[in-house]
Structure formats: C-alpha cells, structure tokens
PDB file of N, CA and C in Angstrom:
ATOM      1  N   UNK A   1     180.468 147.903  72.804  1.00  0.00           N
ATOM      2  CA  UNK A   1     180.761 147.090  71.452  1.00  0.00           C
ATOM      3  C   UNK A   1     181.711 146.295  71.803  1.00  0.00           C
ATOM      4  N   UNK A   2     181.701 145.370  71.335  1.00  0.00           N
ATOM      5  CA  UNK A   2     182.761 143.912  71.702  1.00  0.00           C
ATOM      6  C   UNK A   2     184.379 144.655  70.878  1.00  0.00           C
ATOM      7  N   UNK A   3     185.392 144.466  71.608  1.00  0.00           N
ATOM      8  CA  UNK A   3     186.543 144.927  70.805  1.00  0.00           C
ATOM      9  C   UNK A   3     187.183 143.734  70.734  1.00  0.00           C
ATOM     10  N   UNK A   4     187.531 143.035  69.703  1.00  0.00           N
ATOM     11  CA  UNK A   4     188.423 141.847  69.570  1.00  0.00           C
ATOM     12  C   UNK A   4     189.815 142.177  69.921  1.00  0.00           C
ATOM     13  N   UNK A   5     190.352 141.126  70.825  1.00  0.00           N
ATOM     14  CA  UNK A   5     191.714 141.232  71.071  1.00  0.00           C
ATOM     15  C   UNK A   5     192.513 139.937  70.090  1.00  0.00           C
ATOM     16  N   UNK A   6     191.826 139.433  69.546  1.00  0.00           N
ATOM     17  CA  UNK A   6     192.041 138.487  68.537  1.00  0.00           C
ATOM     18  C   UNK A   6     191.628 138.644  66.844  1.00  0.00           C
ATOM     19  N   UNK A   7     192.396 139.514  66.296  1.00  0.00           N
ATOM     20  CA  UNK A   7     192.410 139.728  64.809  1.00  0.00           C
ATOM     21  C   UNK A   7     192.145 138.365  63.800  1.00  0.00           C
ATOM     22  N   UNK A   8     192.823 137.298  64.302  1.00  0.00           N
ATOM     23  CA  UNK A   8     192.540 136.205  63.430  1.00  0.00           C
ATOM     24  C   UNK A   8     191.217 135.517  63.810  1.00  0.00           C
ATOM     25  N   UNK A   9     190.266 135.752  64.797  1.00  0.00           N
ATOM     26  CA  UNK A   9     189.225 135.337  65.195  1.00  0.00           C
ATOM     27  C   UNK A   9     188.287 135.155  63.893  1.00  0.00           C
ATOM     28  N   UNK A  10     187.751 134.006  63.264  1.00  0.00           N
ATOM     29  CA  UNK A  10     186.706 134.063  62.295  1.00  0.00           C
ATOM     30  C   UNK A  10     185.639 133.459  63.002  1.00  0.00           C
ATOM     31  N   UNK A  11     184.678 134.124  63.480  1.00  0.00           N
ATOM     32  CA  UNK A  11     183.523 133.640  64.007  1.00  0.00           C
ATOM     33  C   UNK A  11     182.370 134.900  63.732  1.00  0.00           C
ATOM     34  N   UNK A  12     181.518 134.261  63.091  1.00  0.00           N
ATOM     35  CA  UNK A  12     180.360 135.064  62.843  1.00  0.00           C
ATOM     36  C   UNK A  12     179.552 135.768  64.067  1.00  0.00           C
ATOM     37  N   UNK A  13     179.614 134.874  65.176  1.00  0.00           N
ATOM     38  CA  UNK A  13     178.949 135.385  66.318  1.00  0.00           C
ATOM     39  C   UNK A  13     179.721 136.414  66.851  1.00  0.00           C
ATOM     40  N   UNK A  14     180.817 136.480  66.953  1.00  0.00           N
ATOM     41  CA  UNK A  14     181.707 137.611  67.456  1.00  0.00           C
ATOM     42  C   UNK A  14     181.505 138.736  66.730  1.00  0.00           C
ATOM     43  N   UNK A  15     181.609 138.506  65.213  1.00  0.00           N
ATOM     44  CA  UNK A  15     181.516 139.891  64.455  1.00  0.00           C
ATOM     45  C   UNK A  15     180.151 140.483  64.612  1.00  0.00           C
ATOM     46  N   UNK A  16     178.654 139.602  64.472  1.00  0.00           N
ATOM     47  CA  UNK A  16     177.476 139.946  64.762  1.00  0.00           C
ATOM     48  C   UNK A  16     177.527 140.859  66.524  1.00  0.00           C
ATOM     49  N   UNK A  17     178.095 140.183  67.335  1.00  0.00           N
ATOM     50  CA  UNK A  17     178.151 140.954  68.543  1.00  0.00           C
ATOM     51  C   UNK A  17     178.965 142.355  68.622  1.00  0.00           C
ATOM     52  N   UNK A  18     179.740 142.343  67.423  1.00  0.00           N
ATOM     53  CA  UNK A  18     179.849 143.961  67.159  1.00  0.00           C
ATOM     54  C   UNK A  18     179.415 144.971  66.902  1.00  0.00           C
ATOM     55  N   UNK A  19     178.232 144.670  66.425  1.00  0.00           N
ATOM     56  CA  UNK A  19     176.948 145.317  66.069  1.00  0.00           C
ATOM     57  C   UNK A  19     176.025 145.249  66.733  1.00  0.00           C
ATOM     58  N   UNK A  20     175.582 144.323  67.580  1.00  0.00           N
ATOM     59  CA  UNK A  20     174.402 144.121  68.883  1.00  0.00           C
ATOM     60  C   UNK A  20     174.778 143.504  70.085  1.00  0.00           C
ATOM     61  N   UNK A  21     176.353 143.548  70.157  1.00  0.00           N
ATOM     62  CA  UNK A  21     176.538 143.012  71.478  1.00  0.00           C
ATOM     63  C   UNK A  21     176.583 144.071  72.605  1.00  0.00           C
ATOM     64  N   UNK A  22     176.646 145.185  72.929  1.00  0.00           N
ATOM     65  CA  UNK A  22     176.394 145.823  73.704  1.00  0.00           C
ATOM     66  C   UNK A  22     175.060 146.003  74.168  1.00  0.00           C
ATOM     67  N   UNK A  23     174.620 145.861  75.378  1.00  0.00           N
ATOM     68  CA  UNK A  23     173.349 145.615  75.821  1.00  0.00           C
ATOM     69  C   UNK A  23     172.216 146.999  75.598  1.00  0.00           C
ATOM     70  N   UNK A  24     172.681 148.239  75.226  1.00  0.00           N
ATOM     71  CA  UNK A  24     171.952 149.089  74.887  1.00  0.00           C
ATOM     72  C   UNK A  24     171.520 148.986  73.465  1.00  0.00           C
ATOM     73  N   UNK A  25     172.527 148.647  72.880  1.00  0.00           N
ATOM     74  CA  UNK A  25     172.092 148.390  71.311  1.00  0.00           C
ATOM     75  C   UNK A  25     170.992 147.455  71.340  1.00  0.00           C
ATOM     76  N   UNK A  26     171.139 146.375  71.830  1.00  0.00           N
ATOM     77  CA  UNK A  26     170.163 144.894  71.846  1.00  0.00           C
ATOM     78  C   UNK A  26     168.849 145.570  72.336  1.00  0.00           C
ATOM     79  N   UNK A  27     168.915 146.422  73.326  1.00  0.00           N
ATOM     80  CA  UNK A  27     167.640 146.664  74.055  1.00  0.00           C
ATOM     81  C   UNK A  27     167.077 148.030  73.259  1.00  0.00           C
ATOM     82  N   UNK A  28     167.722 148.412  72.357  1.00  0.00           N
ATOM     83  CA  UNK A  28     167.182 149.387  71.281  1.00  0.00           C
ATOM     84  C   UNK A  28     166.327 148.531  70.322  1.00  0.00           C
ATOM     85  N   UNK A  29     167.024 147.504  69.764  1.00  0.00           N
ATOM     86  CA  UNK A  29     166.647 146.839  68.633  1.00  0.00           C
ATOM     87  C   UNK A  29     165.131 145.971  69.493  1.00  0.00           C
ATOM     88  N   UNK A  30     165.397 145.519  70.791  1.00  0.00           N
ATOM     89  CA  UNK A  30     164.173 145.228  71.287  1.00  0.00           C
ATOM     90  C   UNK A  30     162.874 146.117  71.219  1.00  0.00           C
ATOM     91  N   UNK A  31     163.352 147.382  71.688  1.00  0.00           N
ATOM     92  CA  UNK A  31     162.420 148.320  71.569  1.00  0.00           C
ATOM     93  C   UNK A  31     161.669 148.573  70.145  1.00  0.00           C
ATOM     94  N   UNK A  32     162.874 148.364  69.033  1.00  0.00           N
ATOM     95  CA  UNK A  32     162.396 148.904  67.781  1.00  0.00           C
ATOM     96  C   UNK A  32     161.179 147.649  67.016  1.00  0.00           C
ATOM     97  N   UNK A  33     161.765 146.431  67.784  1.00  0.00           N
ATOM     98  CA  UNK A  33     160.956 145.265  67.431  1.00  0.00           C
ATOM     99  C   UNK A  33     159.545 145.460  67.791  1.00  0.00           C
ATOM    100  N   UNK A  34     159.277 146.032  69.110  1.00  0.00           N
ATOM    101  CA  UNK A  34     157.988 146.097  69.681  1.00  0.00           C
ATOM    102  C   UNK A  34     157.346 147.315  69.123  1.00  0.00           C
ATOM    103  N   UNK A  35     157.959 148.096  68.121  1.00  0.00           N
ATOM    104  CA  UNK A  35     157.220 149.402  67.391  1.00  0.00           C
ATOM    105  C   UNK A  35     157.753 150.564  67.953  1.00  0.00           C
ATOM    106  N   UNK A  36     158.629 150.752  68.861  1.00  0.00           N
ATOM    107  CA  UNK A  36     159.037 152.168  69.074  1.00  0.00           C
ATOM    108  C   UNK A  36     159.992 152.664  68.029  1.00  0.00           C
ATOM    109  N   UNK A  37     159.765 154.274  67.942  1.00  0.00           N
ATOM    110  CA  UNK A  37     160.379 154.666  66.482  1.00  0.00           C
ATOM    111  C   UNK A  37     161.021 155.955  66.789  1.00  0.00           C
ATOM    112  N   UNK A  38     160.834 156.977  68.002  1.00  0.00           N
ATOM    113  CA  UNK A  38     160.995 158.167  68.205  1.00  0.00           C
ATOM    114  C   UNK A  38     162.018 157.910  69.425  1.00  0.00           C
ATOM    115  N   UNK A  39     163.295 159.025  69.205  1.00  0.00           N
ATOM    116  CA  UNK A  39     164.274 158.965  69.997  1.00  0.00           C
ATOM    117  C   UNK A  39     163.555 159.255  71.497  1.00  0.00           C
ATOM    118  N   UNK A  40     162.621 159.964  71.618  1.00  0.00           N
ATOM    119  CA  UNK A  40     162.123 160.241  73.174  1.00  0.00           C
ATOM    120  C   UNK A  40     161.415 158.874  73.702  1.00  0.00           C
ATOM    121  N   UNK A  41     160.684 158.276  72.810  1.00  0.00           N
ATOM    122  CA  UNK A  41     160.146 156.949  73.206  1.00  0.00           C
ATOM    123  C   UNK A  41     161.508 156.043  73.677  1.00  0.00           C
ATOM    124  N   UNK A  42     162.292 155.824  72.840  1.00  0.00           N
ATOM    125  CA  UNK A  42     163.346 155.298  72.919  1.00  0.00           C
ATOM    126  C   UNK A  42     164.307 155.573  74.534  1.00  0.00           C
ATOM    127  N   UNK A  43     164.270 156.682  74.743  1.00  0.00           N
ATOM    128  CA  UNK A  43     164.647 157.156  75.897  1.00  0.00           C
ATOM    129  C   UNK A  43     163.941 157.021  77.294  1.00  0.00           C
ATOM    130  N   UNK A  44     162.653 157.399  76.799  1.00  0.00           N
ATOM    131  CA  UNK A  44     161.807 156.706  78.025  1.00  0.00           C
ATOM    132  C   UNK A  44     161.605 155.510  78.660  1.00  0.00           C
ATOM    133  N   UNK A  45     161.696 154.364  77.716  1.00  0.00           N
ATOM    134  CA  UNK A  45     161.773 153.243  77.701  1.00  0.00           C
ATOM    135  C   UNK A  45     162.864 152.585  78.391  1.00  0.00           C
ATOM    136  N   UNK A  46     164.199 153.241  77.976  1.00  0.00           N
ATOM    137  CA  UNK A  46     165.610 152.840  78.489  1.00  0.00           C
ATOM    138  C   UNK A  46     165.922 153.495  79.521  1.00  0.00           C
ATOM    139  N   UNK A  47     165.576 154.757  79.812  1.00  0.00           N
ATOM    140  CA  UNK A  47     166.345 155.577  80.688  1.00  0.00           C
ATOM    141  C   UNK A  47     167.467 155.820  80.458  1.00  0.00           C
ATOM    142  N   UNK A  48     167.946 155.845  79.169  1.00  0.00           N
ATOM    143  CA  UNK A  48     169.372 156.127  78.717  1.00  0.00           C
ATOM    144  C   UNK A  48     169.755 157.422  78.791  1.00  0.00           C
ATOM    145  N   UNK A  49     171.059 158.055  78.988  1.00  0.00           N
ATOM    146  CA  UNK A  49     171.480 159.407  78.654  1.00  0.00           C
ATOM    147  C   UNK A  49     171.321 159.620  77.155  1.00  0.00           C
ATOM    148  N   UNK A  50     171.093 161.050  76.971  1.00  0.00           N
ATOM    149  CA  UNK A  50     170.856 161.364  75.491  1.00  0.00           C
ATOM    150  C   UNK A  50     172.136 161.092  74.574  1.00  0.00           C
ATOM    151  N   UNK A  51     173.282 161.441  75.270  1.00  0.00           N
ATOM    152  CA  UNK A  51     174.482 161.159  74.250  1.00  0.00           C
ATOM    153  C   UNK A  51     174.637 159.730  74.308  1.00  0.00           C
ATOM    154  N   UNK A  52     174.483 158.773  75.125  1.00  0.00           N
ATOM    155  CA  UNK A  52     174.574 157.580  75.070  1.00  0.00           C
ATOM    156  C   UNK A  52     173.748 156.776  73.792  1.00  0.00           C
ATOM    157  N   UNK A  53     172.491 157.230  74.225  1.00  0.00           N
ATOM    158  CA  UNK A  53     171.359 156.678  72.949  1.00  0.00           C
ATOM    159  C   UNK A  53     171.649 157.357  71.708  1.00  0.00           C
ATOM    160  N   UNK A  54     171.884 158.792  71.670  1.00  0.00           N
ATOM    161  CA  UNK A  54     172.472 158.964  70.176  1.00  0.00           C
ATOM    162  C   UNK A  54     173.476 158.241  69.587  1.00  0.00           C
ATOM    163  N   UNK A  55     174.728 157.655  70.376  1.00  0.00           N
ATOM    164  CA  UNK A  55     175.632 157.108  69.867  1.00  0.00           C
ATOM    165  C   UNK A  55     175.304 156.002  69.422  1.00  0.00           C
ATOM    166  N   UNK A  56     174.577 154.925  70.108  1.00  0.00           N
ATOM    167  CA  UNK A  56     173.696 153.550  69.798  1.00  0.00           C
ATOM    168  C   UNK A  56     173.181 153.642  68.666  1.00  0.00           C
ATOM    169  N   UNK A  57     172.137 154.698  68.593  1.00  0.00           N
ATOM    170  CA  UNK A  57     171.241 154.903  67.088  1.00  0.00           C
ATOM    171  C   UNK A  57     172.313 155.006  65.824  1.00  0.00           C
ATOM    172  N   UNK A  58     173.091 156.013  66.187  1.00  0.00           N
ATOM    173  CA  UNK A  58     173.756 156.218  65.262  1.00  0.00           C
ATOM    174  C   UNK A  58     174.890 155.149  64.514  1.00  0.00           C
ATOM    175  N   UNK A  59     175.244 154.140  65.692  1.00  0.00           N
ATOM    176  CA  UNK A  59     175.887 152.869  65.385  1.00  0.00           C
ATOM    177  C   UNK A  59     174.750 152.029  64.683  1.00  0.00           C
ATOM    178  N   UNK A  60     173.643 151.894  65.101  1.00  0.00           N
ATOM    179  CA  UNK A  60     172.893 150.916  64.232  1.00  0.00           C
ATOM    180  C   UNK A  60     172.324 151.651  63.120  1.00  0.00           C
ATOM    181  N   UNK A  61     172.281 152.661  62.826  1.00  0.00           N
ATOM    182  CA  UNK A  61     171.882 153.395  61.542  1.00  0.00           C
ATOM    183  C   UNK A  61     173.363 152.937  60.473  1.00  0.00           C
ATOM    184  N   UNK A  62     174.529 153.109  61.117  1.00  0.00           N
ATOM    185  CA  UNK A  62     175.523 152.898  60.252  1.00  0.00           C
ATOM    186  C   UNK A  62     175.637 151.377  59.933  1.00  0.00           C
ATOM    187  N   UNK A  63     175.516 150.661  60.637  1.00  0.00           N
ATOM    188  CA  UNK A  63     175.439 149.201  60.480  1.00  0.00           C
ATOM    189  C   UNK A  63     174.369 148.629  59.558  1.00  0.00           C
ATOM    190  N   UNK A  64     173.347 149.511  59.271  1.00  0.00           N
ATOM    191  CA  UNK A  64     172.159 149.176  58.418  1.00  0.00           C
ATOM    192  C   UNK A  64     171.156 148.323  59.080  1.00  0.00           C
ATOM    193  N   UNK A  65     171.020 148.361  60.605  1.00  0.00           N
ATOM    194  CA  UNK A  65     170.025 147.767  61.318  1.00  0.00           C
ATOM    195  C   UNK A  65     168.710 148.808  61.565  1.00  0.00           C
ATOM    196  N   UNK A  66     169.145 149.729  61.660  1.00  0.00           N
ATOM    197  CA  UNK A  66     167.677 150.931  61.714  1.00  0.00           C
ATOM    198  C   UNK A  66     168.110 151.844  60.519  1.00  0.00           C
ATOM    199  N   UNK A  67     167.115 152.438  59.906  1.00  0.00           N
ATOM    200  CA  UNK A  67     167.071 153.508  59.202  1.00  0.00           C
ATOM    201  C   UNK A  67     166.443 154.903  59.742  1.00  0.00           C
ATOM    202  N   UNK A  68     167.057 155.984  59.631  1.00  0.00           N
ATOM    203  CA  UNK A  68     166.677 157.235  60.226  1.00  0.00           C
ATOM    204  C   UNK A  68     165.833 158.050  59.454  1.00  0.00           C
ATOM    205  N   UNK A  69     164.738 158.472  59.638  1.00  0.00           N
ATOM    206  CA  UNK A  69     163.869 159.429  58.866  1.00  0.00           C
ATOM    207  C   UNK A  69     163.341 160.740  59.430  1.00  0.00           C
ATOM    208  N   UNK A  70     163.680 161.965  59.132  1.00  0.00           N
ATOM    209  CA  UNK A  70     163.208 162.954  59.305  1.00  0.00           C
ATOM    210  C   UNK A  70     161.588 163.130  59.228  1.00  0.00           C
ATOM    211  N   UNK A  71     160.988 163.555  60.280  1.00  0.00           N
ATOM    212  CA  UNK A  71     159.759 163.690  60.659  1.00  0.00           C
ATOM    213  C   UNK A  71     159.387 165.410  61.421  1.00  0.00           C
ATOM    214  N   UNK A  72     157.982 165.645  61.160  1.00  0.00           N
ATOM    215  CA  UNK A  72     157.866 166.953  61.807  1.00  0.00           C
ATOM    216  C   UNK A  72     157.691 168.202  60.924  1.00  0.00           C
ATOM    217  N   UNK A  73     157.258 169.215  61.100  1.00  0.00           N
ATOM    218  CA  UNK A  73     157.243 170.312  60.384  1.00  0.00           C
ATOM    219  C   UNK A  73     158.370 170.780  59.450  1.00  0.00           C
ATOM    220  N   UNK A  74     159.444 170.644  60.351  1.00  0.00           N
ATOM    221  CA  UNK A  74     160.838 171.013  59.862  1.00  0.00           C
ATOM    222  C   UNK A  74     161.477 169.788  59.425  1.00  0.00           C
ATOM    223  N   UNK A  75     161.417 168.674  59.984  1.00  0.00           N
ATOM    224  CA  UNK A  75     161.816 167.712  59.516  1.00  0.00           C
ATOM    225  C   UNK A  75     163.001 167.514  60.603  1.00  0.00           C
ATOM    226  N   UNK A  76     162.954 168.245  62.040  1.00  0.00           N
ATOM    227  CA  UNK A  76     164.042 168.401  62.565  1.00  0.00           C
ATOM    228  C   UNK A  76     164.303 167.290  63.549  1.00  0.00           C
ATOM    229  N   UNK A  77     163.187 166.561  63.766  1.00  0.00           N
ATOM    230  CA  UNK A  77     163.364 165.275  64.495  1.00  0.00           C
ATOM    231  C   UNK A  77     163.293 164.081  63.724  1.00  0.00           C
ATOM    232  N   UNK A  78     163.895 162.880  64.350  1.00  0.00           N
ATOM    233  CA  UNK A  78     164.068 161.787  63.446  1.00  0.00           C
ATOM    234  C   UNK A  78     163.161 160.631  64.128  1.00  0.00           C
ATOM    235  N   UNK A  79     162.896 159.452  63.103  1.00  0.00           N
ATOM    236  CA  UNK A  79     162.104 158.318  63.403  1.00  0.00           C
ATOM    237  C   UNK A  79     163.225 157.377  63.011  1.00  0.00           C
ATOM    238  N   UNK A  80     163.205 156.376  63.912  1.00  0.00           N
ATOM    239  CA  UNK A  80     164.149 155.087  63.640  1.00  0.00           C
ATOM    240  C   UNK A  80     163.360 153.978  63.088  1.00  0.00           C
ATOM    241  N   UNK A  81     163.712 153.156  62.281  1.00  0.00           N
ATOM    242  CA  UNK A  81     162.738 151.980  61.969  1.00  0.00           C
ATOM    243  C   UNK A  81     163.650 150.955  61.503  1.00  0.00           C
ATOM    244  N   UNK A  82     163.253 149.898  61.667  1.00  0.00           N
ATOM    245  CA  UNK A  82     164.160 148.576  61.374  1.00  0.00           C
ATOM    246  C   UNK A  82     164.041 148.546  59.891  1.00  0.00           C
ATOM    247  N   UNK A  83     165.323 148.292  59.498  1.00  0.00           N
ATOM    248  CA  UNK A  83     165.793 147.818  57.927  1.00  0.00           C
ATOM    249  C   UNK A  83     165.388 146.266  58.045  1.00  0.00           C
ATOM    250  N   UNK A  84     165.058 145.485  56.805  1.00  0.00           N
ATOM    251  CA  UNK A  84     165.165 144.136  56.400  1.00  0.00           C
ATOM    252  C   UNK A  84     166.119 143.611  57.553  1.00  0.00           C
ATOM    253  N   UNK A  85     167.353 144.045  57.224  1.00  0.00           N
ATOM    254  CA  UNK A  85     168.420 143.231  58.115  1.00  0.00           C
ATOM    255  C   UNK A  85     167.973 143.685  59.831  1.00  0.00           C
ATOM    256  N   UNK A  86     167.705 144.663  59.981  1.00  0.00           N
ATOM    257  CA  UNK A  86     167.384 144.845  61.564  1.00  0.00           C
ATOM    258  C   UNK A  86     165.967 143.748  62.025  1.00  0.00           C
ATOM    259  N   UNK A  87     164.909 143.918  60.893  1.00  0.00           N
ATOM    260  CA  UNK A  87     163.789 142.914  61.283  1.00  0.00           C
ATOM    261  C   UNK A  87     164.336 141.350  61.360  1.00  0.00           C
ATOM    262  N   UNK A  88     165.354 140.939  60.819  1.00  0.00           N
ATOM    263  CA  UNK A  88     165.733 139.641  61.187  1.00  0.00           C
ATOM    264  C   UNK A  88     166.031 139.545  62.417  1.00  0.00           C
ATOM    265  N   UNK A  89     166.935 140.411  63.138  1.00  0.00           N
ATOM    266  CA  UNK A  89     167.122 140.416  64.745  1.00  0.00           C
ATOM    267  C   UNK A  89     165.704 140.025  65.738  1.00  0.00           C
ATOM    268  N   UNK A  90     164.689 140.244  64.737  1.00  0.00           N
ATOM    269  CA  UNK A  90     163.663 139.958  65.832  1.00  0.00           C
ATOM    270  C   UNK A  90     163.543 138.224  66.406  1.00  0.00           C
ATOM    271  N   UNK A  91     163.960 137.528  65.338  1.00  0.00           N
ATOM    272  CA  UNK A  91     164.092 136.322  66.151  1.00  0.00           C
ATOM    273  C   UNK A  91     165.090 135.920  67.075  1.00  0.00           C
ATOM    274  N   UNK A  92     166.081 136.648  67.108  1.00  0.00           N
ATOM    275  CA  UNK A  92     167.036 136.729  68.284  1.00  0.00           C
ATOM    276  C   UNK A  92     166.557 137.417  69.556  1.00  0.00           C
ATOM    277  N   UNK A  93     165.867 138.673  69.392  1.00  0.00           N
ATOM    278  CA  UNK A  93     165.299 139.102  70.356  1.00  0.00           C
ATOM    279  C   UNK A  93     164.506 138.506  71.447  1.00  0.00           C
ATOM    280  N   UNK A  94     163.303 137.930  70.100  1.00  0.00           N
ATOM    281  CA  UNK A  94     162.263 137.312  70.949  1.00  0.00           C
ATOM    282  C   UNK A  94     162.738 135.817  71.416  1.00  0.00           C
ATOM    283  N   UNK A  95     163.800 134.997  70.644  1.00  0.00           N
ATOM    284  CA  UNK A  95     164.229 134.281  71.339  1.00  0.00           C
ATOM    285  C   UNK A  95     165.207 134.291  72.766  1.00  0.00           C
ATOM    286  N   UNK A  96     165.649 135.117  72.832  1.00  0.00           N
ATOM    287  CA  UNK A  96     166.414 135.720  73.874  1.00  0.00           C
ATOM    288  C   UNK A  96     165.348 135.975  75.245  1.00  0.00           C
ATOM    289  N   UNK A  97     164.135 136.822  74.669  1.00  0.00           N
ATOM    290  CA  UNK A  97     163.209 137.100  75.542  1.00  0.00           C
ATOM    291  C   UNK A  97     162.577 135.996  75.982  1.00  0.00           C
ATOM    292  N   UNK A  98     161.768 134.875  75.315  1.00  0.00           N
ATOM    293  CA  UNK A  98     161.606 133.326  75.780  1.00  0.00           C
ATOM    294  C   UNK A  98     162.742 132.725  76.588  1.00  0.00           C
ATOM    295  N   UNK A  99     163.660 132.771  76.441  1.00  0.00           N
ATOM    296  CA  UNK A  99     164.717 132.187  77.237  1.00  0.00           C
ATOM    297  C   UNK A  99     164.778 132.852  78.654  1.00  0.00           C
ATOM    298  N   UNK A 100     164.655 134.183  78.640  1.00  0.00           N
ATOM    299  CA  UNK A 100     164.803 134.893  79.792  1.00  0.00           C
ATOM    300  C   UNK A 100     163.345 135.000  80.676  1.00  0.00           C
ATOM    301  N   UNK A 101     162.477 134.692  80.081  1.00  0.00           N
ATOM    302  CA  UNK A 101     161.090 134.472  80.709  1.00  0.00           C
ATOM    303  C   UNK A 101     161.290 133.197  81.329  1.00  0.00           C
ATOM    304  N   UNK A 102     161.875 132.224  80.799  1.00  0.00           N
ATOM    305  CA  UNK A 102     161.720 130.774  81.510  1.00  0.00           C
ATOM    306  C   UNK A 102     162.962 130.754  82.687  1.00  0.00           C
ATOM    307  N   UNK A 103     163.967 131.488  82.436  1.00  0.00           N
ATOM    308  CA  UNK A 103     165.145 131.423  83.384  1.00  0.00           C
ATOM    309  C   UNK A 103     165.421 132.594  84.570  1.00  0.00           C
ATOM    310  N   UNK A 104     164.868 133.796  84.104  1.00  0.00           N
ATOM    311  CA  UNK A 104     165.158 134.781  85.068  1.00  0.00           C
ATOM    312  C   UNK A 104     163.784 135.829  85.101  1.00  0.00           C
ATOM    313  N   UNK A 105     162.766 135.256  84.609  1.00  0.00           N
ATOM    314  CA  UNK A 105     161.511 136.187  84.686  1.00  0.00           C
ATOM    315  C   UNK A 105     161.387 136.791  86.435  1.00  0.00           C
ATOM    316  N   UNK A 106     160.905 137.810  86.387  1.00  0.00           N
ATOM    317  CA  UNK A 106     160.614 138.548  88.072  1.00  0.00           C
ATOM    318  C   UNK A 106     159.220 137.326  88.426  1.00  0.00           C
ATOM    319  N   UNK A 107     159.065 137.395  89.790  1.00  0.00           N
ATOM    320  CA  UNK A 107     158.090 136.562  90.235  1.00  0.00           C
ATOM    321  C   UNK A 107     156.652 137.271  89.876  1.00  0.00           C
ATOM    322  N   UNK A 108     156.262 138.400  89.104  1.00  0.00           N
ATOM    323  CA  UNK A 108     155.006 139.037  89.010  1.00  0.00           C
ATOM    324  C   UNK A 108     155.341 138.591  87.404  1.00  0.00           C
ATOM    325  N   UNK A 109     155.973 138.060  86.631  1.00  0.00           N
ATOM    326  CA  UNK A 109     155.883 137.688  85.409  1.00  0.00           C
ATOM    327  C   UNK A 109     156.300 138.505  84.217  1.00  0.00           C
ATOM    328  N   UNK A 110     156.832 138.159  83.222  1.00  0.00           N
ATOM    329  CA  UNK A 110     157.581 138.885  82.456  1.00  0.00           C
ATOM    330  C   UNK A 110     157.470 140.355  82.030  1.00  0.00           C
ATOM    331  N   UNK A 111     158.104 141.554  82.287  1.00  0.00           N
ATOM    332  CA  UNK A 111     157.913 142.982  82.172  1.00  0.00           C
ATOM    333  C   UNK A 111     157.385 143.342  80.704  1.00  0.00           C
ATOM    334  N   UNK A 112     157.827 142.671  79.870  1.00  0.00           N
ATOM    335  CA  UNK A 112     157.461 142.906  78.217  1.00  0.00           C
ATOM    336  C   UNK A 112     157.214 141.753  77.701  1.00  0.00           C
ATOM    337  N   UNK A 113     156.280 141.848  76.660  1.00  0.00           N
ATOM    338  CA  UNK A 113     155.691 140.551  76.213  1.00  0.00           C
ATOM    339  C   UNK A 113     155.592 141.011  74.788  1.00  0.00           C
ATOM    340  N   UNK A 114     155.877 140.319  73.873  1.00  0.00           N
ATOM    341  CA  UNK A 114     155.603 140.092  72.617  1.00  0.00           C
ATOM    342  C   UNK A 114     154.411 139.401  72.172  1.00  0.00           C
ATOM    343  N   UNK A 115     153.554 140.119  71.324  1.00  0.00           N
ATOM    344  CA  UNK A 115     152.331 139.795  70.881  1.00  0.00           C
ATOM    345  C   UNK A 115     151.868 139.678  69.582  1.00  0.00           C
ATOM    346  N   UNK A 116     151.142 138.798  68.799  1.00  0.00           N
ATOM    347  CA  UNK A 116     150.843 138.650  67.445  1.00  0.00           C
ATOM    348  C   UNK A 116     149.986 139.864  67.358  1.00  0.00           C
ATOM    349  N   UNK A 117     150.206 140.878  66.055  1.00  0.00           N
ATOM    350  CA  UNK A 117     149.136 141.862  65.872  1.00  0.00           C
ATOM    351  C   UNK A 117     147.829 141.597  65.557  1.00  0.00           C
ATOM    352  N   UNK A 118     147.688 140.495  64.862  1.00  0.00           N
ATOM    353  CA  UNK A 118     146.603 139.863  64.608  1.00  0.00           C
ATOM    354  C   UNK A 118     145.528 139.558  65.496  1.00  0.00           C
ATOM    355  N   UNK A 119     146.167 138.549  66.468  1.00  0.00           N
ATOM    356  CA  UNK A 119     145.407 137.803  67.226  1.00  0.00           C
ATOM    357  C   UNK A 119     145.478 138.150  68.569  1.00  0.00           C
ATOM    358  N   UNK A 120     146.615 138.960  68.978  1.00  0.00           N
ATOM    359  CA  UNK A 120     147.311 139.170  70.528  1.00  0.00           C
ATOM    360  C   UNK A 120     147.614 138.235  71.273  1.00  0.00           C
ATOM    361  N   UNK A 121     147.971 137.015  70.547  1.00  0.00           N
ATOM    362  CA  UNK A 121     148.439 135.839  71.588  1.00  0.00           C
ATOM    363  C   UNK A 121     150.061 135.921  71.538  1.00  0.00           C
ATOM    364  N   UNK A 122     150.521 135.379  72.496  1.00  0.00           N
ATOM    365  CA  UNK A 122     152.203 135.285  72.641  1.00  0.00           C
ATOM    366  C   UNK A 122     152.890 134.921  71.420  1.00  0.00           C
ATOM    367  N   UNK A 123     154.425 135.704  71.061  1.00  0.00           N
ATOM    368  CA  UNK A 123     154.972 135.338  70.206  1.00  0.00           C
ATOM    369  C   UNK A 123     156.027 134.368  70.622  1.00  0.00           C
ATOM    370  N   UNK A 124     156.385 133.339  70.299  1.00  0.00           N
ATOM    371  CA  UNK A 124     157.295 132.620  70.460  1.00  0.00           C
ATOM    372  C   UNK A 124     158.408 132.319  69.608  1.00  0.00           C
ATOM    373  N   UNK A 125     159.738 132.048  69.995  1.00  0.00           N
ATOM    374  CA  UNK A 125     160.692 132.000  69.012  1.00  0.00           C
ATOM    375  C   UNK A 125     160.524 130.614  68.493  1.00  0.00           C
TER     376      UNK A 125
END
C-alpha cells in the first residue's frame, strides 16, 4: 500500500492507490474480474504466500472492493466476490491489460485474456 509522506496531497489517484496500488492487491482484483472467488484459486494463480494473500484479501474486504462469504458444509471456507465498487475496477484492470499487451506482452502473446461471456470475443477498455 502507498504510504503518503505528503498529508496535504489531495489527489484521488493517490487515494485510490492506497487501496489497489500494491501489486498483489491489483492482481487479486484482476483474478476476481476473471471469475476467481476462492482463496486456494487466488493462491494457485498468484503463487503468493498464505499470510500475504490473507492480508491483501482482508484489506480489499475492509475497503469494500470484495465481499467475503462463507461456503462449504460448515462454512469454514470463504469465497471473495467483487462488490459494485470492485466491479467498477474492471475498466482499470482491462485497460491496464490492454496497454500491457500492446507494450509489454511476451513474444508468445498475452498470458491472460479477458473475453466476453456471451460471444468469447476479446474485451477492450
């Protein structure tokens, strides 16, 4: 998370970066936009240590980007779904992905694609 050294800074970009500016947080949002909801699936996708993933998920839940819902027979596991506030970030994530695909894609092409659910075509910001 961004820690401002300028308390007088009045910038919405800086305040938004306090929520999603840490790279793991934005990658969690990316995966959530793509439909990932379970802790184990986030961990598998990101290769992130459990304690770091837990901290980032907790932060995104506290900020209202994700909502945590218990599941399973005893409710001992959680799913994480985007809230309306979180879904608004799909424009940012897809835009950043499109920009990265144009300027920094691997020679084999982009590793993750965003596709329309109805037609399977590429999503562009």
